[in-house]
Amino acid sequence: MILTSLLALPDPGKTAISASGRADLSYGLFASLCEDTAAALRARGLARNDKLAIVLPNGPDMAAAFVAAAAAVTAAPLNPAYREDEFHFYMEDLRARALLVEEGSNSPAIAAARRLGIPILTLIPAREAGAFEVRGDAVGPSLAEGLAEASDVALVLHTSGTTSRPKIVPLTHANLLASASNIRNTLRLTPDDRCLNIMPLFHIHGLVAAILATLAAGGSVHATQGFNALRFFAQMEEAKPSWYTAVPTMHQAILARAERNADIIRANPLRFIRSSSASLPVPVFHALEQAFSCPVIEAYAMTENAHQMTSNQLPPGKRKPGFVGCAAGPEVAVMSPDGRLLGAGEEGEVVTRGPNVTPGYENNPKANADGFAFGWFHTGDQGFMDEDGFLKITGRLKEIINRGGEKVAPMEVDEVLMEHEAVAQVVTFAMPHDKLGEEVAAAIVLREGKVAGERELQDFANARLAAFKVPKRIVILDEIPKGATGKLQRIGLAQKLGLA
């Protein structure tokens, strides 16, 4: 089975994708779109597993183009905010055969593609949300190949590359279908569910959790142009969704405006809210549940796993604030450095295996040897399981702060500082130190109308943490710098804030 098999399951007249200002795209039209797109790509000489770089703004066309392109070739979505040199690096690294941009685009990706001699294809939007036509130059002679196969690579994404050269993660149709099915089952999605997508669609979270899991259930996606906290409640009122999924920083921005939009929340009740891609602070979990009067389901996910690995459960199942849930599809375990699987309460590296896991990084034997040792995929995250099999992430191995031999898990410091009544967001990170090697620092955003200084926050932490874990510098900011997908990033933060 390939991704387009999802479109044959529901009533062909049922809405698959909706968007503001566009007619709805039905499942039947979506299936036809995939066939037409495959024919257009084949006519231009693109074969199975050829990589098509896609640079489109967030919205229905990007959502549909991902599925339609993957029906024939390998979709390689790139962040539209990249600069020309970044596009040049990623397209060259991917060995992209062609670039797809929207009609009238002035993206620097076009100049980068021309430098590389990569043909440019143009997406011409149609009336329905996500419907389009592909035009542009041929890559080579027309091909008679059919649709992709289950073992073909449907999607390639780069890892973030915060500490080394980004790695290419190939995900097959079988990987993506397994993950979409896992998420559908975890959330008990049905054809009646509608997802309000605010996640960027150059990222695994939005592509799989919002788009593919919804299609796997025969539901519908209301595709927005991206996250905008000022527009979220208007979008909620228009779309009338049953759920949405987001990263913690987005949830926090939504929460800041929830009270003044209480009438919209009451008039458009959600069945649940999903959180993933970073740890959800416990106070935010409780505040979300109180504001929206629905369960918050935190999940643990990673690109190499085609997104979901563990998840908390919908009622009457368990939800444990501060934990990322139990195995939700793949096998999940905690492993010692020598490959021994650890028991409840024992801390080690989180490892996974299952049909959703990538077959391996592209052209990177060393990363594969390290990342797939002992027959499991190694996540690089540190954590432990409780007696119920619920996973607690205690840090990222590469982010552990080594303060003269004393190891500090940044997430532990985050959790303590988040308990202070004035703190809205916190990110603890390593700051270079001439004698200790690394020192503990933290960046904090205060709640609206609240006041707290560096010394007060240090005293608060000192009463709850060992002295060596207390941040020696606390920087108060209006906004903490984020990565392209909205995640707070620890590595490199000292340099960004001028503390290196």
Protein backbone atom coordinates (compact mmCIF):
# COMPACT_ATOMS: atom_id res chain seq x y z
CA MET A 1 0.00 0.00 0.00
CA ILE A 2 1.09 3.58 -0.67
CA LEU A 3 -0.14 6.92 0.69
CA THR A 4 -2.79 7.34 -2.01
CA SER A 5 -4.50 4.17 -0.70
CA LEU A 6 -5.77 6.39 2.14
CA LEU A 7 -7.88 8.35 -0.33
CA ALA A 8 -9.85 5.30 -1.49
CA LEU A 9 -11.23 4.44 1.94
CA PRO A 10 -13.94 7.08 2.62
CA ASP A 11 -16.95 8.22 0.61
CA PRO A 12 -15.40 9.97 -2.45
CA GLY A 13 -17.69 12.96 -1.91
CA LYS A 14 -16.51 13.54 1.66
CA THR A 15 -14.26 16.54 2.36
CA ALA A 16 -10.57 15.74 2.73
CA ILE A 17 -9.09 19.27 2.82
CA SER A 18 -10.73 22.63 3.50
CA ALA A 19 -9.27 26.12 3.67
CA SER A 20 -10.48 29.67 4.07
CA GLY A 21 -11.62 31.21 0.76
CA ARG A 22 -11.44 27.94 -1.24
CA ALA A 23 -14.00 25.28 -2.08
CA ASP A 24 -13.55 21.97 -0.25
CA LEU A 25 -11.43 19.23 -1.81
CA SER A 26 -13.22 15.88 -1.70
CA TYR A 27 -11.53 12.51 -1.32
CA GLY A 28 -12.54 11.65 -4.90
CA LEU A 29 -10.99 14.82 -6.33
CA PHE A 30 -7.90 14.31 -4.17
CA ALA A 31 -7.41 10.80 -5.60
CA SER A 32 -7.76 12.18 -9.15
CA LEU A 33 -5.30 14.96 -8.31
CA CYS A 34 -2.71 12.38 -7.24
CA GLU A 35 -3.12 10.46 -10.50
CA ASP A 36 -2.88 13.64 -12.58
CA THR A 37 0.19 14.83 -10.66
CA ALA A 38 1.90 11.46 -11.11
CA ALA A 39 1.19 11.61 -14.85
CA ALA A 40 2.55 15.18 -15.06
CA LEU A 41 5.76 14.21 -13.23
CA ARG A 42 6.26 11.07 -15.31
CA ALA A 43 5.71 13.09 -18.51
CA ARG A 44 8.59 15.33 -17.41
CA GLY A 45 10.91 12.38 -16.84
CA LEU A 46 10.70 12.01 -13.05
CA ALA A 47 10.95 8.39 -11.92
CA ARG A 48 10.13 6.55 -8.70
CA ASN A 49 12.46 7.61 -5.85
CA ASP A 50 13.59 10.74 -7.71
CA LYS A 51 13.65 13.60 -5.22
CA LEU A 52 11.35 16.56 -5.86
CA ALA A 53 12.28 19.56 -3.71
CA ILE A 54 9.05 21.33 -2.68
CA VAL A 55 9.09 24.96 -1.57
CA LEU A 56 5.53 26.09 -0.98
CA PRO A 57 3.89 28.25 1.67
CA ASN A 58 1.90 26.51 4.39
CA GLY A 59 -1.66 25.78 3.41
CA PRO A 60 -3.87 23.40 1.46
CA ASP A 61 -1.69 23.29 -1.67
CA MET A 62 1.34 22.20 0.35
CA ALA A 63 -0.73 19.55 2.18
CA ALA A 64 -2.05 18.09 -1.09
CA ALA A 65 1.24 18.46 -2.99
CA PHE A 66 3.06 16.35 -0.41
CA VAL A 67 0.68 13.40 -0.86
CA ALA A 68 0.33 13.84 -4.63
CA ALA A 69 4.09 14.10 -5.24
CA ALA A 70 4.80 11.08 -3.04
CA ALA A 71 2.39 9.05 -5.19
CA ALA A 72 5.01 9.12 -7.95
CA VAL A 73 8.37 10.35 -6.63
CA THR A 74 10.04 11.23 -3.32
CA ALA A 75 8.72 14.43 -1.75
CA ALA A 76 11.44 16.64 -0.24
CA PRO A 77 9.73 19.64 1.42
CA LEU A 78 12.04 22.49 2.42
CA ASN A 79 11.48 25.41 4.78
CA PRO A 80 10.32 28.37 2.64
CA ALA A 81 12.18 30.73 5.00
CA TYR A 82 15.61 29.43 3.97
CA ARG A 83 18.06 31.77 2.27
CA GLU A 84 19.56 31.03 -1.14
CA ASP A 85 22.73 29.39 0.19
CA GLU A 86 20.68 27.16 2.50
CA PHE A 87 18.47 26.06 -0.40
CA HIS A 88 21.61 25.42 -2.44
CA PHE A 89 23.07 23.22 0.32
CA TYR A 90 19.92 21.18 0.90
CA MET A 91 19.04 20.63 -2.77
CA GLU A 92 22.63 19.69 -3.60
CA ASP A 93 22.82 17.36 -0.58
CA LEU A 94 19.53 15.70 -1.59
CA ARG A 95 20.53 15.47 -5.26
CA ALA A 96 17.11 16.90 -6.09
CA ARG A 97 16.00 16.22 -9.68
CA ALA A 98 13.54 19.15 -9.80
CA LEU A 99 12.11 21.99 -7.72
CA LEU A 100 8.38 22.68 -7.27
CA VAL A 101 7.31 26.25 -6.41
CA GLU A 102 3.99 28.08 -6.60
CA GLU A 103 3.03 30.26 -9.56
CA GLY A 104 4.58 33.73 -9.23
CA SER A 105 7.03 32.65 -6.53
CA ASN A 106 10.08 34.82 -5.87
CA SER A 107 11.67 32.30 -3.50
CA PRO A 108 15.47 32.31 -3.37
CA ALA A 109 15.13 28.55 -3.96
CA ILE A 110 14.68 29.39 -7.65
CA ALA A 111 18.07 31.10 -7.89
CA ALA A 112 19.66 28.21 -5.97
CA ALA A 113 18.09 25.68 -8.34
CA ARG A 114 19.35 27.60 -11.36
CA ARG A 115 22.88 27.60 -9.92
CA LEU A 116 22.62 23.82 -9.60
CA GLY A 117 21.03 23.35 -13.02
CA ILE A 118 17.86 21.89 -11.47
CA PRO A 119 14.66 22.24 -13.57
CA ILE A 120 11.85 24.29 -12.01
CA LEU A 121 8.22 23.13 -11.96
CA THR A 122 5.32 25.42 -11.15
CA LEU A 123 2.18 24.66 -9.13
CA ILE A 124 -0.93 26.44 -10.48
CA PRO A 125 -3.68 26.47 -7.81
CA ALA A 126 -7.25 25.49 -8.78
CA ARG A 127 -10.63 26.32 -7.22
CA GLU A 128 -10.69 23.62 -4.56
CA ALA A 129 -8.44 23.76 -1.48
CA GLY A 130 -5.29 21.87 -2.42
CA ALA A 131 -6.20 21.24 -6.06
CA PHE A 132 -3.56 22.29 -8.58
CA GLU A 133 -1.91 21.69 -11.92
CA VAL A 134 1.83 21.14 -12.49
CA ARG A 135 3.63 22.91 -15.34
CA GLY A 136 7.28 23.33 -16.21
CA ASP A 137 10.29 21.98 -18.05
CA ALA A 138 11.17 18.32 -18.46
CA VAL A 139 13.92 16.68 -16.44
CA GLY A 140 14.35 13.97 -19.06
CA PRO A 141 12.39 11.79 -21.50
CA SER A 142 8.80 10.90 -20.67
CA LEU A 143 8.42 7.71 -18.59
CA ALA A 144 5.76 5.00 -18.63
CA GLU A 145 6.27 4.06 -14.96
CA GLY A 146 3.23 3.78 -12.70
CA LEU A 147 2.68 4.84 -9.11
CA ALA A 148 5.15 4.33 -6.28
CA GLU A 149 5.40 1.09 -4.30
CA ALA A 150 5.30 0.47 -0.53
CA SER A 151 9.10 0.12 -0.27
CA ASP A 152 9.74 3.33 -2.24
CA VAL A 153 10.83 6.44 -0.33
CA ALA A 154 7.84 8.75 -0.02
CA LEU A 155 9.48 11.52 1.99
CA VAL A 156 12.97 12.73 2.83
CA LEU A 157 13.74 15.22 5.58
CA HIS A 158 16.97 16.50 7.07
CA THR A 159 17.63 16.23 10.79
CA SER A 160 18.12 19.55 12.54
CA GLY A 161 21.92 19.30 12.49
CA THR A 162 22.45 21.38 15.65
CA THR A 163 25.72 19.60 16.48
CA SER A 164 26.87 18.21 13.13
CA ARG A 165 26.08 18.12 9.43
CA PRO A 166 22.33 17.45 8.96
CA LYS A 167 21.53 13.82 8.15
CA ILE A 168 19.06 12.77 5.44
CA VAL A 169 16.18 10.68 6.79
CA PRO A 170 14.33 8.64 4.14
CA LEU A 171 10.83 7.43 5.06
CA THR A 172 9.08 4.84 2.93
CA HIS A 173 5.37 4.65 2.18
CA ALA A 174 5.23 1.69 4.57
CA ASN A 175 6.91 3.77 7.33
CA LEU A 176 4.46 6.66 6.92
CA LEU A 177 1.36 4.46 6.71
CA ALA A 178 2.40 2.61 9.87
CA SER A 179 2.87 5.88 11.76
CA ALA A 180 -0.38 7.41 10.48
CA SER A 181 -2.21 4.27 11.56
CA ASN A 182 -0.57 4.40 15.01
CA ILE A 183 -1.68 8.00 15.55
CA ARG A 184 -5.20 7.31 14.24
CA ASN A 185 -5.54 4.42 16.69
CA THR A 186 -4.04 6.31 19.64
CA LEU A 187 -6.40 9.26 19.18
CA ARG A 188 -9.36 7.10 18.09
CA LEU A 189 -9.83 9.32 15.05
CA THR A 190 -12.99 8.80 12.96
CA PRO A 191 -14.46 10.26 9.73
CA ASP A 192 -16.26 12.80 11.93
CA ASP A 193 -13.01 14.33 13.18
CA ARG A 194 -11.59 17.52 11.74
CA CYS A 195 -8.04 18.66 12.45
CA LEU A 196 -7.15 22.35 12.47
CA ASN A 197 -3.60 22.28 11.11
CA ILE A 198 -1.35 25.07 12.34
CA MET A 199 1.91 23.10 12.07
CA PRO A 200 4.45 23.85 9.31
CA LEU A 201 4.24 21.31 6.51
CA PHE A 202 7.98 21.03 5.87
CA HIS A 203 8.14 19.16 9.20
CA ILE A 204 7.21 15.58 10.15
CA HIS A 205 4.76 16.66 12.89
CA GLY A 206 2.33 18.42 10.56
CA LEU A 207 2.79 16.05 7.63
CA VAL A 208 2.08 12.85 9.56
CA ALA A 209 0.11 13.76 12.70
CA ALA A 210 -2.15 16.36 11.12
CA ILE A 211 -2.40 15.34 7.46
CA LEU A 212 -1.79 11.59 7.11
CA ALA A 213 -3.37 10.46 10.40
CA THR A 214 -6.50 12.40 9.51
CA LEU A 215 -6.65 10.86 6.04
CA ALA A 216 -6.07 7.42 7.57
CA ALA A 217 -9.28 7.96 9.56
CA GLY A 218 -11.28 9.35 6.64
CA GLY A 219 -11.57 12.71 8.42
CA SER A 220 -10.85 16.22 7.19
CA VAL A 221 -8.06 18.75 7.61
CA HIS A 222 -8.63 22.49 7.71
CA ALA A 223 -5.30 23.77 6.36
CA THR A 224 -4.25 27.19 7.63
CA GLN A 225 -1.43 29.34 6.28
CA GLY A 226 0.61 28.54 9.38
CA PHE A 227 0.54 29.40 13.05
CA ASN A 228 -0.61 32.86 14.03
CA ALA A 229 -1.69 33.22 17.66
CA LEU A 230 -3.71 36.34 16.80
CA ARG A 231 -5.77 34.39 14.23
CA PHE A 232 -6.05 31.02 15.97
CA PHE A 233 -9.46 31.56 17.57
CA ALA A 234 -10.95 33.00 14.39
CA GLN A 235 -9.66 29.92 12.55
CA MET A 236 -11.16 27.72 15.24
CA GLU A 237 -14.53 29.44 14.85
CA GLU A 238 -14.43 29.04 11.06
CA ALA A 239 -13.19 25.44 10.91
CA LYS A 240 -15.06 24.04 13.95
CA PRO A 241 -12.38 21.36 14.47
CA SER A 242 -12.54 18.46 16.90
CA TRP A 243 -8.79 18.67 17.63
CA TYR A 244 -5.49 20.31 16.83
CA THR A 245 -1.85 19.33 17.34
CA ALA A 246 1.02 21.71 18.11
CA VAL A 247 4.36 22.19 19.82
CA PRO A 248 4.46 23.58 23.39
CA THR A 249 5.46 27.12 22.39
CA MET A 250 2.34 27.33 20.21
CA HIS A 251 0.13 26.03 23.03
CA GLN A 252 1.57 28.67 25.33
CA ALA A 253 0.85 31.46 22.83
CA ILE A 254 -2.72 30.16 22.42
CA LEU A 255 -3.17 29.96 26.20
CA ALA A 256 -2.17 33.62 26.55
CA ARG A 257 -5.28 34.53 24.49
CA ALA A 258 -7.65 31.81 25.69
CA GLU A 259 -9.40 33.73 28.45
CA ARG A 260 -10.49 36.58 26.15
CA ASN A 261 -11.76 34.00 23.63
CA ALA A 262 -13.68 31.85 26.12
CA ASP A 263 -16.94 32.25 24.19
CA ILE A 264 -15.38 30.78 21.02
CA ILE A 265 -13.95 27.87 23.03
CA ARG A 266 -17.35 27.10 24.56
CA ALA A 267 -19.12 27.35 21.19
CA ASN A 268 -16.58 25.09 19.46
CA PRO A 269 -15.67 22.35 21.96
CA LEU A 270 -12.62 20.23 21.16
CA ARG A 271 -12.55 16.47 21.76
CA PHE A 272 -8.85 16.69 22.71
CA ILE A 273 -5.64 18.68 22.15
CA ARG A 274 -2.40 16.97 21.13
CA SER A 275 1.11 18.16 22.01
CA SER A 276 4.37 16.81 20.59
CA SER A 277 7.90 17.56 19.29
CA ALA A 278 9.11 18.97 22.64
CA SER A 279 8.40 18.50 26.33
CA LEU A 280 5.14 20.09 27.51
CA PRO A 281 5.65 21.87 30.86
CA VAL A 282 3.29 20.48 33.51
CA PRO A 283 1.76 23.90 34.35
CA VAL A 284 0.93 24.37 30.65
CA PHE A 285 -0.70 20.91 30.53
CA HIS A 286 -3.03 21.79 33.40
CA ALA A 287 -3.77 25.30 32.09
CA LEU A 288 -4.70 23.93 28.63
CA GLU A 289 -7.06 21.33 30.08
CA GLN A 290 -8.71 23.98 32.25
CA ALA A 291 -9.03 26.55 29.44
CA PHE A 292 -10.40 24.14 26.81
CA SER A 293 -12.23 21.65 29.10
CA CYS A 294 -10.80 18.70 27.18
CA PRO A 295 -7.96 16.21 27.63
CA VAL A 296 -4.45 17.14 26.53
CA ILE A 297 -2.59 14.20 24.98
CA GLU A 298 1.19 14.58 25.04
CA ALA A 299 3.14 12.38 22.62
CA TYR A 300 6.82 11.69 21.98
CA ALA A 301 7.98 11.76 18.38
CA MET A 302 10.98 11.97 16.09
CA THR A 303 11.61 12.22 12.34
CA GLU A 304 13.44 8.87 12.21
CA ASN A 305 10.31 7.20 13.62
CA ALA A 306 8.03 8.84 11.04
CA HIS A 307 6.84 10.84 14.05
CA GLN A 308 5.02 9.07 16.92
CA MET A 309 6.75 6.69 19.35
CA THR A 310 4.83 7.01 22.64
CA SER A 311 1.67 8.78 23.71
CA ASN A 312 -0.50 9.44 26.70
CA GLN A 313 -4.00 8.03 26.41
CA LEU A 314 -7.46 9.42 25.89
CA PRO A 315 -9.90 8.88 28.78
CA PRO A 316 -10.57 6.43 30.32
CA GLY A 317 -6.87 5.66 29.73
CA LYS A 318 -4.11 7.36 31.72
CA ARG A 319 -2.64 10.80 31.18
CA LYS A 320 0.46 11.53 33.21
CA PRO A 321 1.61 15.16 33.16
CA GLY A 322 5.38 15.32 32.71
CA PHE A 323 5.47 11.90 31.03
CA VAL A 324 5.28 11.35 27.27
CA GLY A 325 3.09 8.26 27.58
CA CYS A 326 3.57 4.58 26.81
CA ALA A 327 4.51 2.84 23.57
CA ALA A 328 2.01 3.83 20.87
CA GLY A 329 2.90 1.77 17.83
CA PRO A 330 6.57 0.82 17.81
CA GLU A 331 8.44 -1.06 20.53
CA VAL A 332 10.04 1.39 22.98
CA ALA A 333 12.67 0.56 25.59
CA VAL A 334 15.41 2.13 27.70
CA MET A 335 18.95 0.84 27.06
CA SER A 336 22.30 1.01 28.84
CA PRO A 337 25.43 1.99 26.86
CA ASP A 338 26.40 -1.70 26.58
CA GLY A 339 23.08 -2.65 24.92
CA ARG A 340 21.27 -4.01 28.00
CA LEU A 341 17.54 -3.24 28.25
CA LEU A 342 16.78 -1.56 31.56
CA GLY A 343 13.89 -2.05 33.97
CA ALA A 344 11.37 0.37 35.49
CA GLY A 345 13.03 3.38 37.11
CA GLU A 346 16.43 2.77 35.52
CA GLU A 347 17.71 5.70 33.44
CA GLY A 348 19.32 5.21 30.05
CA GLU A 349 18.93 5.98 26.34
CA VAL A 350 15.48 5.64 24.77
CA VAL A 351 15.47 3.18 21.86
CA THR A 352 12.76 2.07 19.43
CA ARG A 353 12.07 -0.41 16.65
CA GLY A 354 9.10 -1.12 14.43
CA PRO A 355 7.60 -0.70 10.94
CA ASN A 356 7.48 3.10 11.28
CA VAL A 357 11.27 3.43 11.79
CA THR A 358 13.40 4.65 8.87
CA PRO A 359 15.46 1.94 7.16
CA GLY A 360 18.54 4.10 7.83
CA TYR A 361 20.15 7.44 7.07
CA GLU A 362 21.04 8.08 3.45
CA ASN A 363 24.73 7.73 2.51
CA ASN A 364 25.89 7.85 6.12
CA PRO A 365 27.40 4.51 7.28
CA LYS A 366 28.83 5.93 10.53
CA ALA A 367 25.51 7.47 11.60
CA ASN A 368 23.79 4.18 10.81
CA ALA A 369 26.31 2.15 12.78
CA ASP A 370 25.91 4.45 15.81
CA GLY A 371 22.18 5.06 15.46
CA PHE A 372 21.06 1.47 14.92
CA ALA A 373 23.34 -0.46 17.29
CA PHE A 374 22.08 -3.62 19.01
CA GLY A 375 19.13 -3.89 16.61
CA TRP A 376 17.33 -0.77 17.89
CA PHE A 377 17.16 2.85 16.74
CA HIS A 378 18.89 5.08 19.29
CA THR A 379 16.98 8.33 19.84
CA GLY A 380 19.73 10.24 21.66
CA ASP A 381 17.22 11.01 24.43
CA GLN A 382 17.75 10.04 28.06
CA GLY A 383 14.86 8.79 30.17
CA PHE A 384 13.25 6.03 32.22
CA MET A 385 10.02 4.02 32.30
CA ASP A 386 7.77 3.89 35.35
CA GLU A 387 5.99 0.75 36.55
CA ASP A 388 3.12 1.39 34.11
CA GLY A 389 5.46 1.62 31.11
CA PHE A 390 5.06 5.41 30.85
CA LEU A 391 8.19 7.16 29.64
CA LYS A 392 9.78 10.18 31.30
CA ILE A 393 12.31 12.06 29.16
CA THR A 394 15.03 13.51 31.36
CA GLY A 395 17.14 15.17 28.69
CA ARG A 396 18.88 14.99 25.36
CA LEU A 397 22.22 13.24 25.71
CA LYS A 398 24.00 15.89 23.61
CA GLU A 399 22.36 18.67 25.67
CA ILE A 400 23.47 17.41 29.10
CA ILE A 401 25.55 20.18 30.67
CA ASN A 402 28.96 19.00 31.88
CA ARG A 403 29.92 21.45 34.64
CA GLY A 404 33.45 20.40 35.52
CA GLY A 405 32.39 16.75 35.64
CA GLU A 406 29.04 17.42 37.35
CA LYS A 407 26.23 16.50 34.91
CA VAL A 408 23.12 18.71 34.76
CA ALA A 409 19.97 17.73 32.84
CA PRO A 410 18.55 21.01 31.48
CA MET A 411 14.96 19.72 31.59
CA GLU A 412 15.20 19.22 35.36
CA VAL A 413 16.12 22.90 35.80
CA ASP A 414 13.36 23.91 33.36
CA GLU A 415 10.74 22.07 35.42
CA VAL A 416 11.80 23.77 38.65
CA LEU A 417 11.85 27.29 37.21
CA MET A 418 8.45 26.74 35.55
CA GLU A 419 6.98 26.36 39.04
CA HIS A 420 7.68 30.05 39.75
CA GLU A 421 4.45 32.01 39.41
CA ALA A 422 6.06 34.68 37.19
CA VAL A 423 7.62 32.30 34.65
CA ALA A 424 5.85 31.62 31.35
CA GLN A 425 8.68 29.94 29.38
CA VAL A 426 12.16 28.71 30.24
CA VAL A 427 15.03 27.10 28.40
CA THR A 428 18.11 25.97 30.35
CA PHE A 429 21.31 25.65 28.33
CA ALA A 430 25.09 25.32 28.53
CA MET A 431 27.20 28.48 28.68
CA PRO A 432 30.97 28.23 28.06
CA HIS A 433 33.18 28.61 31.14
CA ASP A 434 36.98 29.00 31.08
CA LYS A 435 37.64 26.66 34.04
CA LEU A 436 34.61 24.34 34.29
CA GLY A 437 34.13 23.91 30.54
CA GLU A 438 30.40 24.58 30.81
CA GLU A 439 28.20 26.49 33.21
CA VAL A 440 24.41 26.46 33.63
CA ALA A 441 22.39 29.34 32.18
CA ALA A 442 18.69 29.92 31.50
CA ALA A 443 16.57 32.14 29.27
CA ILE A 444 13.16 33.07 30.65
CA VAL A 445 10.01 34.79 29.41
CA LEU A 446 7.83 36.20 32.18
CA ARG A 447 4.06 36.00 32.35
CA GLU A 448 2.18 39.11 31.24
CA GLY A 449 2.01 41.59 34.12
CA LYS A 450 4.47 39.64 36.31
CA VAL A 451 7.88 40.83 37.53
CA ALA A 452 10.89 38.80 38.65
CA GLY A 453 14.61 39.44 38.56
CA GLU A 454 17.62 37.20 38.04
CA ARG A 455 18.48 36.99 41.76
CA GLU A 456 14.92 36.15 42.79
CA LEU A 457 14.74 33.32 40.25
CA GLN A 458 18.17 32.00 41.28
CA ASP A 459 17.08 31.97 44.94
CA PHE A 460 13.90 30.12 43.94
CA ALA A 461 15.95 27.48 42.10
CA ASN A 462 18.54 27.28 44.90
CA ALA A 463 15.83 26.24 47.38
CA ARG A 464 14.86 23.32 45.14
CA LEU A 465 18.06 22.21 43.38
CA ALA A 466 21.63 21.30 44.27
CA ALA A 467 23.83 24.39 44.09
CA PHE A 468 25.72 23.21 40.97
CA LYS A 469 22.43 22.98 39.03
CA VAL A 470 21.34 26.57 39.74
CA PRO A 471 21.79 28.80 36.66
CA LYS A 472 24.67 31.24 37.11
CA ARG A 473 23.10 33.48 34.49
CA ILE A 474 19.38 34.01 33.94
CA VAL A 475 18.46 36.19 30.99
CA ILE A 476 14.96 37.70 30.91
CA LEU A 477 13.67 37.99 27.34
CA ASP A 478 10.50 39.08 25.57
CA GLU A 479 10.85 36.01 23.36
CA ILE A 480 13.22 33.05 23.32
CA PRO A 481 14.74 32.31 19.89
CA LYS A 482 13.10 29.27 18.31
CA GLY A 483 13.90 26.86 15.53
CA ALA A 484 12.04 26.80 12.22
CA THR A 485 9.32 24.49 13.57
CA GLY A 486 8.64 26.50 16.72
CA LYS A 487 10.76 24.34 19.03
CA LEU A 488 12.99 25.95 21.66
CA GLN A 489 16.59 24.94 20.97
CA ARG A 490 19.24 24.68 23.68
CA ILE A 491 22.29 24.00 21.55
CA GLY A 492 23.76 27.26 20.27
CA LEU A 493 21.58 29.46 22.49
CA ALA A 494 24.56 30.84 24.42
CA GLN A 495 26.03 32.11 21.14
CA LYS A 496 22.70 33.60 20.01
CA LEU A 497 22.34 35.49 23.31
CA GLY A 498 25.94 36.73 23.36
CA LEU A 499 26.94 34.60 26.35
CA ALA A 500 29.65 32.58 24.60
